[in-house]
Amino acid sequence: MAISLPFPFIEFCIKGLVLTVQRTITNIDYRNQEHVTFMINSVVEVFGYDAKASYEHSFVYIRQLALSLRTALKQKSKDALNGVLSWPFLVSLKLWG
């Protein structure tokens, strides 16, 4: 569907998929691990359809991860480090890595 519809639809699909993965990984555990892996694989597959849109969205989300990591390293507080060492952050790295 993302391929057959006009131009802006692929960008909506990419954004929707990434946001859905981000919402899902906040409650990750052993029961939904396979579901999250399937969602990550789906995002990667949709990214293969339009390189330009994929690059733009990837850049924004990877930059957000980098800013979170930089903030945690600068603050060196327990809360900041826990945010970087959490499962949602690590699964996000898996998505973009």
C-alpha atoms as a PDB file:
ATOM      1  CA  MET A   1       0.000   0.000   0.000  1.00  0.00           C
ATOM      2  CA  ALA A   2       2.854   2.380   0.783  1.00  0.00           C
ATOM      3  CA  ILE A   3       4.283   1.791  -2.684  1.00  0.00           C
ATOM      4  CA  SER A   4       1.095   2.067  -4.710  1.00  0.00           C
ATOM      5  CA  LEU A   5      -0.230   5.350  -3.288  1.00  0.00           C
ATOM      6  CA  PRO A   6       1.104   8.840  -4.127  1.00  0.00           C
ATOM      7  CA  PHE A   7       4.288  10.395  -2.739  1.00  0.00           C
ATOM      8  CA  PRO A   8       3.491  11.683   0.752  1.00  0.00           C
ATOM      9  CA  PHE A   9       1.909   8.417   1.854  1.00  0.00           C
ATOM     10  CA  ILE A  10       5.254   6.614   2.245  1.00  0.00           C
ATOM     11  CA  GLU A  11       6.408   9.309   4.669  1.00  0.00           C
ATOM     12  CA  PHE A  12       3.246   8.901   6.733  1.00  0.00           C
ATOM     13  CA  CYS A  13       3.811   5.134   6.785  1.00  0.00           C
ATOM     14  CA  ILE A  14       7.414   5.521   7.927  1.00  0.00           C
ATOM     15  CA  LYS A  15       6.513   7.997  10.648  1.00  0.00           C
ATOM     16  CA  GLY A  16       3.556   5.915  11.821  1.00  0.00           C
ATOM     17  CA  LEU A  17       5.583   2.717  11.961  1.00  0.00           C
ATOM     18  CA  VAL A  18       8.428   4.321  13.890  1.00  0.00           C
ATOM     19  CA  LEU A  19       6.068   5.949  16.390  1.00  0.00           C
ATOM     20  CA  THR A  20       4.236   2.660  16.878  1.00  0.00           C
ATOM     21  CA  VAL A  21       7.512   0.877  17.579  1.00  0.00           C
ATOM     22  CA  GLN A  22       8.506   3.611  20.036  1.00  0.00           C
ATOM     23  CA  ARG A  23       5.190   3.290  21.887  1.00  0.00           C
ATOM     24  CA  THR A  24       5.419  -0.500  21.943  1.00  0.00           C
ATOM     25  CA  ILE A  25       8.967  -0.730  23.273  1.00  0.00           C
ATOM     26  CA  THR A  26       8.126   1.263  26.371  1.00  0.00           C
ATOM     27  CA  ASN A  27       6.479  -1.898  27.745  1.00  0.00           C
ATOM     28  CA  ILE A  28       8.847  -4.517  26.369  1.00  0.00           C
ATOM     29  CA  ASP A  29       9.152  -7.875  28.107  1.00  0.00           C
ATOM     30  CA  TYR A  30       9.647 -11.509  27.162  1.00  0.00           C
ATOM     31  CA  ARG A  31       6.012 -11.877  26.025  1.00  0.00           C
ATOM     32  CA  ASN A  32       6.145  -9.254  23.291  1.00  0.00           C
ATOM     33  CA  GLN A  33       9.798  -9.605  22.255  1.00  0.00           C
ATOM     34  CA  GLU A  34       8.916 -11.443  19.036  1.00  0.00           C
ATOM     35  CA  HIS A  35       6.240  -8.853  18.246  1.00  0.00           C
ATOM     36  CA  VAL A  36       8.748  -6.020  18.626  1.00  0.00           C
ATOM     37  CA  THR A  37      11.296  -7.858  16.467  1.00  0.00           C
ATOM     38  CA  PHE A  38       8.647  -8.281  13.756  1.00  0.00           C
ATOM     39  CA  MET A  39       7.804  -4.575  13.954  1.00  0.00           C
ATOM     40  CA  ILE A  40      11.478  -3.612  13.639  1.00  0.00           C
ATOM     41  CA  ASN A  41      11.837  -5.855  10.590  1.00  0.00           C
ATOM     42  CA  SER A  42       8.735  -4.245   9.083  1.00  0.00           C
ATOM     43  CA  VAL A  43      10.180  -0.766   9.580  1.00  0.00           C
ATOM     44  CA  VAL A  44      13.420  -1.829   7.907  1.00  0.00           C
ATOM     45  CA  GLU A  45      11.482  -3.267   4.968  1.00  0.00           C
ATOM     46  CA  VAL A  46       9.445  -0.085   4.465  1.00  0.00           C
ATOM     47  CA  PHE A  47      12.644   1.980   4.675  1.00  0.00           C
ATOM     48  CA  GLY A  48      13.871   0.121   1.603  1.00  0.00           C
ATOM     49  CA  TYR A  49      11.125   1.593  -0.581  1.00  0.00           C
ATOM     50  CA  ASP A  50      12.157   5.255  -0.469  1.00  0.00           C
ATOM     51  CA  ALA A  51      15.766   6.083   0.401  1.00  0.00           C
ATOM     52  CA  LYS A  52      15.285   9.859   0.609  1.00  0.00           C
ATOM     53  CA  ALA A  53      12.349   9.754   3.027  1.00  0.00           C
ATOM     54  CA  SER A  54      14.028   7.001   5.037  1.00  0.00           C
ATOM     55  CA  TYR A  55      17.217   9.039   5.374  1.00  0.00           C
ATOM     56  CA  GLU A  56      15.346  12.115   6.570  1.00  0.00           C
ATOM     57  CA  HIS A  57      13.383  10.223   9.223  1.00  0.00           C
ATOM     58  CA  SER A  58      16.376   8.142  10.302  1.00  0.00           C
ATOM     59  CA  PHE A  59      18.496  11.249  10.753  1.00  0.00           C
ATOM     60  CA  VAL A  60      15.941  12.836  13.082  1.00  0.00           C
ATOM     61  CA  TYR A  61      15.521   9.763  15.296  1.00  0.00           C
ATOM     62  CA  ILE A  62      19.232   8.909  15.445  1.00  0.00           C
ATOM     63  CA  ARG A  63      19.946  12.523  16.370  1.00  0.00           C
ATOM     64  CA  GLN A  64      17.428  12.274  19.221  1.00  0.00           C
ATOM     65  CA  LEU A  65      19.199   9.163  20.525  1.00  0.00           C
ATOM     66  CA  ALA A  66      22.569  10.906  20.276  1.00  0.00           C
ATOM     67  CA  LEU A  67      21.272  13.942  22.163  1.00  0.00           C
ATOM     68  CA  SER A  68      19.869  11.712  24.906  1.00  0.00           C
ATOM     69  CA  LEU A  69      23.201   9.939  25.213  1.00  0.00           C
ATOM     70  CA  ARG A  70      25.155  13.196  25.271  1.00  0.00           C
ATOM     71  CA  THR A  71      22.880  14.628  27.959  1.00  0.00           C
ATOM     72  CA  ALA A  72      23.273  11.508  30.082  1.00  0.00           C
ATOM     73  CA  LEU A  73      27.054  11.633  29.783  1.00  0.00           C
ATOM     74  CA  LYS A  74      27.184  15.326  30.674  1.00  0.00           C
ATOM     75  CA  GLN A  75      24.813  15.133  33.657  1.00  0.00           C
ATOM     76  CA  LYS A  76      26.154  11.834  35.005  1.00  0.00           C
ATOM     77  CA  SER A  77      23.136  11.526  37.270  1.00  0.00           C
ATOM     78  CA  LYS A  78      21.541   8.211  38.079  1.00  0.00           C
ATOM     79  CA  ASP A  79      18.256   9.123  36.359  1.00  0.00           C
ATOM     80  CA  ALA A  80      19.978  10.250  33.173  1.00  0.00           C
ATOM     81  CA  LEU A  81      22.053   7.071  32.993  1.00  0.00           C
ATOM     82  CA  ASN A  82      18.998   4.902  33.694  1.00  0.00           C
ATOM     83  CA  GLY A  83      17.264   6.536  30.744  1.00  0.00           C
ATOM     84  CA  VAL A  84      20.112   5.539  28.451  1.00  0.00           C
ATOM     85  CA  LEU A  85      20.493   2.063  29.921  1.00  0.00           C
ATOM     86  CA  SER A  86      16.803   1.248  29.665  1.00  0.00           C
ATOM     87  CA  TRP A  87      15.282  -1.356  27.344  1.00  0.00           C
ATOM     88  CA  PRO A  88      13.440   1.206  25.210  1.00  0.00           C
ATOM     89  CA  PHE A  89      16.689   3.055  24.468  1.00  0.00           C
ATOM     90  CA  LEU A  90      18.549  -0.168  23.692  1.00  0.00           C
ATOM     91  CA  VAL A  91      15.780  -1.456  21.414  1.00  0.00           C
ATOM     92  CA  SER A  92      15.812   1.918  19.639  1.00  0.00           C
ATOM     93  CA  LEU A  93      19.519   1.425  19.044  1.00  0.00           C
ATOM     94  CA  LYS A  94      18.717  -2.002  17.634  1.00  0.00           C
ATOM     95  CA  LEU A  95      16.166  -0.422  15.292  1.00  0.00           C
ATOM     96  CA  TRP A  96      18.577   2.195  13.971  1.00  0.00           C
ATOM     97  CA  GLY A  97      21.737   0.075  14.115  1.00  0.00           C
END
